[in-house]
């Protein structure tokens, strides 16, 4: 899986990168995901919050996007990954039903 992480207004963290890679590698069971995954982590100083956006290309025509906001970088990233997995489960069900 080709993972691209963009850091905006915050320092790069090897621990966060490793966590994202581990979780995304476990999503390999969804064989309809294209190889390119883009993650963007943004820190908003004024509100002191982090926002994580994850974009995944799905074979066919769709782009799945999960976005989450939290007080910590780990919280925002974990929430976004949970949302992404939920979207992937629903997409798999739709594909199975032929919609």
C-alpha atoms as a PDB file:
ATOM      1  CA  UNK A   1       0.000   0.000   0.000  1.00  0.00           C
ATOM      2  CA  UNK A   2       1.353   3.393  -1.004  1.00  0.00           C
ATOM      3  CA  UNK A   3       0.745   5.734   1.939  1.00  0.00           C
ATOM      4  CA  UNK A   4       1.244   9.503   1.666  1.00  0.00           C
ATOM      5  CA  UNK A   5       0.997  11.520   4.878  1.00  0.00           C
ATOM      6  CA  UNK A   6       0.883  15.316   4.698  1.00  0.00           C
ATOM      7  CA  UNK A   7       1.609  17.282   7.882  1.00  0.00           C
ATOM      8  CA  UNK A   8       0.314  20.844   8.081  1.00  0.00           C
ATOM      9  CA  UNK A   9       1.187  23.185  10.966  1.00  0.00           C
ATOM     10  CA  UNK A  10       2.375  20.323  13.181  1.00  0.00           C
ATOM     11  CA  UNK A  11       5.527  18.285  13.660  1.00  0.00           C
ATOM     12  CA  UNK A  12       5.994  14.955  11.960  1.00  0.00           C
ATOM     13  CA  UNK A  13       5.518  12.001  14.317  1.00  0.00           C
ATOM     14  CA  UNK A  14       6.983   8.574  13.620  1.00  0.00           C
ATOM     15  CA  UNK A  15       4.614   7.009  16.167  1.00  0.00           C
ATOM     16  CA  UNK A  16       1.537   8.353  14.361  1.00  0.00           C
ATOM     17  CA  UNK A  17       2.912   7.257  10.996  1.00  0.00           C
ATOM     18  CA  UNK A  18       3.564   3.742  12.301  1.00  0.00           C
ATOM     19  CA  UNK A  19       0.075   3.548  13.836  1.00  0.00           C
ATOM     20  CA  UNK A  20      -1.604   4.676  10.627  1.00  0.00           C
ATOM     21  CA  UNK A  21       0.423   2.197   8.579  1.00  0.00           C
ATOM     22  CA  UNK A  22      -0.453  -0.667  10.922  1.00  0.00           C
ATOM     23  CA  UNK A  23      -4.172   0.067  10.878  1.00  0.00           C
ATOM     24  CA  UNK A  24      -4.285   0.655   7.119  1.00  0.00           C
ATOM     25  CA  UNK A  25      -2.402  -2.582   6.485  1.00  0.00           C
ATOM     26  CA  UNK A  26      -5.109  -4.420   8.426  1.00  0.00           C
ATOM     27  CA  UNK A  27      -7.639  -2.947   5.994  1.00  0.00           C
ATOM     28  CA  UNK A  28      -6.042  -5.039   3.255  1.00  0.00           C
ATOM     29  CA  UNK A  29      -8.928  -7.482   3.657  1.00  0.00           C
ATOM     30  CA  UNK A  30     -10.920  -5.041   1.545  1.00  0.00           C
ATOM     31  CA  UNK A  31      -9.430  -6.062  -1.782  1.00  0.00           C
ATOM     32  CA  UNK A  32     -11.182  -3.301  -3.730  1.00  0.00           C
ATOM     33  CA  UNK A  33      -8.941  -0.536  -2.334  1.00  0.00           C
ATOM     34  CA  UNK A  34      -6.437   0.977  -4.766  1.00  0.00           C
ATOM     35  CA  UNK A  35      -2.841   1.202  -3.619  1.00  0.00           C
ATOM     36  CA  UNK A  36      -2.751   4.980  -3.058  1.00  0.00           C
ATOM     37  CA  UNK A  37      -3.932   6.262   0.318  1.00  0.00           C
ATOM     38  CA  UNK A  38      -3.600   9.929   1.255  1.00  0.00           C
ATOM     39  CA  UNK A  39      -3.666  11.136   4.849  1.00  0.00           C
ATOM     40  CA  UNK A  40      -3.607  14.793   5.865  1.00  0.00           C
ATOM     41  CA  UNK A  41      -3.055  15.863   9.475  1.00  0.00           C
ATOM     42  CA  UNK A  42      -3.669  19.526  10.294  1.00  0.00           C
ATOM     43  CA  UNK A  43      -3.229  21.427  13.554  1.00  0.00           C
ATOM     44  CA  UNK A  44      -5.332  24.538  14.156  1.00  0.00           C
ATOM     45  CA  UNK A  45      -3.473  26.734  16.676  1.00  0.00           C
ATOM     46  CA  UNK A  46      -6.296  29.122  17.489  1.00  0.00           C
ATOM     47  CA  UNK A  47      -8.658  26.368  18.578  1.00  0.00           C
ATOM     48  CA  UNK A  48      -5.898  23.943  19.609  1.00  0.00           C
ATOM     49  CA  UNK A  49      -7.424  21.012  17.729  1.00  0.00           C
ATOM     50  CA  UNK A  50      -6.213  18.453  15.213  1.00  0.00           C
ATOM     51  CA  UNK A  51      -8.057  17.375  12.087  1.00  0.00           C
ATOM     52  CA  UNK A  52      -7.261  14.209  10.176  1.00  0.00           C
ATOM     53  CA  UNK A  53      -8.502  13.532   6.651  1.00  0.00           C
ATOM     54  CA  UNK A  54      -8.065  10.192   4.895  1.00  0.00           C
ATOM     55  CA  UNK A  55      -8.748   9.711   1.189  1.00  0.00           C
ATOM     56  CA  UNK A  56      -8.928   6.209  -0.274  1.00  0.00           C
ATOM     57  CA  UNK A  57      -9.550   5.385  -3.911  1.00  0.00           C
ATOM     58  CA  UNK A  58     -11.896   2.455  -4.378  1.00  0.00           C
ATOM     59  CA  UNK A  59     -11.669   0.400  -7.536  1.00  0.00           C
ATOM     60  CA  UNK A  60     -14.319   1.574  -9.881  1.00  0.00           C
ATOM     61  CA  UNK A  61     -15.460   5.116  -9.463  1.00  0.00           C
ATOM     62  CA  UNK A  62     -15.531   6.141  -5.820  1.00  0.00           C
ATOM     63  CA  UNK A  63     -13.302   7.999  -3.424  1.00  0.00           C
ATOM     64  CA  UNK A  64     -13.944   7.349   0.236  1.00  0.00           C
ATOM     65  CA  UNK A  65     -13.102  10.191   2.582  1.00  0.00           C
ATOM     66  CA  UNK A  66     -13.054  10.090   6.347  1.00  0.00           C
ATOM     67  CA  UNK A  67     -12.521  13.204   8.433  1.00  0.00           C
ATOM     68  CA  UNK A  68     -12.339  13.648  12.205  1.00  0.00           C
ATOM     69  CA  UNK A  69     -11.459  16.385  14.687  1.00  0.00           C
ATOM     70  CA  UNK A  70     -10.153  15.955  18.241  1.00  0.00           C
ATOM     71  CA  UNK A  71      -7.975  17.606  20.871  1.00  0.00           C
ATOM     72  CA  UNK A  72      -5.079  15.216  20.243  1.00  0.00           C
ATOM     73  CA  UNK A  73      -3.435  14.005  17.082  1.00  0.00           C
ATOM     74  CA  UNK A  74      -3.983  10.377  18.124  1.00  0.00           C
ATOM     75  CA  UNK A  75      -7.663  10.934  18.842  1.00  0.00           C
ATOM     76  CA  UNK A  76      -8.322  12.583  15.481  1.00  0.00           C
ATOM     77  CA  UNK A  77      -6.406   9.905  13.614  1.00  0.00           C
ATOM     78  CA  UNK A  78      -8.125   7.000  15.372  1.00  0.00           C
ATOM     79  CA  UNK A  79     -11.592   8.512  14.838  1.00  0.00           C
ATOM     80  CA  UNK A  80     -10.893   9.041  11.134  1.00  0.00           C
ATOM     81  CA  UNK A  81      -9.615   5.482  10.744  1.00  0.00           C
ATOM     82  CA  UNK A  82     -12.726   4.113  12.472  1.00  0.00           C
ATOM     83  CA  UNK A  83     -14.960   6.131  10.133  1.00  0.00           C
ATOM     84  CA  UNK A  84     -13.009   4.895   7.123  1.00  0.00           C
ATOM     85  CA  UNK A  85     -13.383   1.262   8.158  1.00  0.00           C
ATOM     86  CA  UNK A  86     -17.138   1.760   8.576  1.00  0.00           C
ATOM     87  CA  UNK A  87     -17.370   3.239   5.072  1.00  0.00           C
ATOM     88  CA  UNK A  88     -15.346   0.354   3.649  1.00  0.00           C
ATOM     89  CA  UNK A  89     -17.662  -2.186   5.295  1.00  0.00           C
ATOM     90  CA  UNK A  90     -20.696  -0.459   3.783  1.00  0.00           C
ATOM     91  CA  UNK A  91     -19.047  -0.271   0.344  1.00  0.00           C
ATOM     92  CA  UNK A  92     -18.221  -3.983   0.496  1.00  0.00           C
ATOM     93  CA  UNK A  93     -21.850  -4.781   1.329  1.00  0.00           C
ATOM     94  CA  UNK A  94     -23.079  -2.676  -1.613  1.00  0.00           C
ATOM     95  CA  UNK A  95     -20.639  -4.389  -3.966  1.00  0.00           C
ATOM     96  CA  UNK A  96     -21.762  -7.790  -2.752  1.00  0.00           C
ATOM     97  CA  UNK A  97     -25.408  -6.906  -3.400  1.00  0.00           C
ATOM     98  CA  UNK A  98     -24.559  -5.610  -6.852  1.00  0.00           C
ATOM     99  CA  UNK A  99     -25.676  -2.016  -6.399  1.00  0.00           C
END
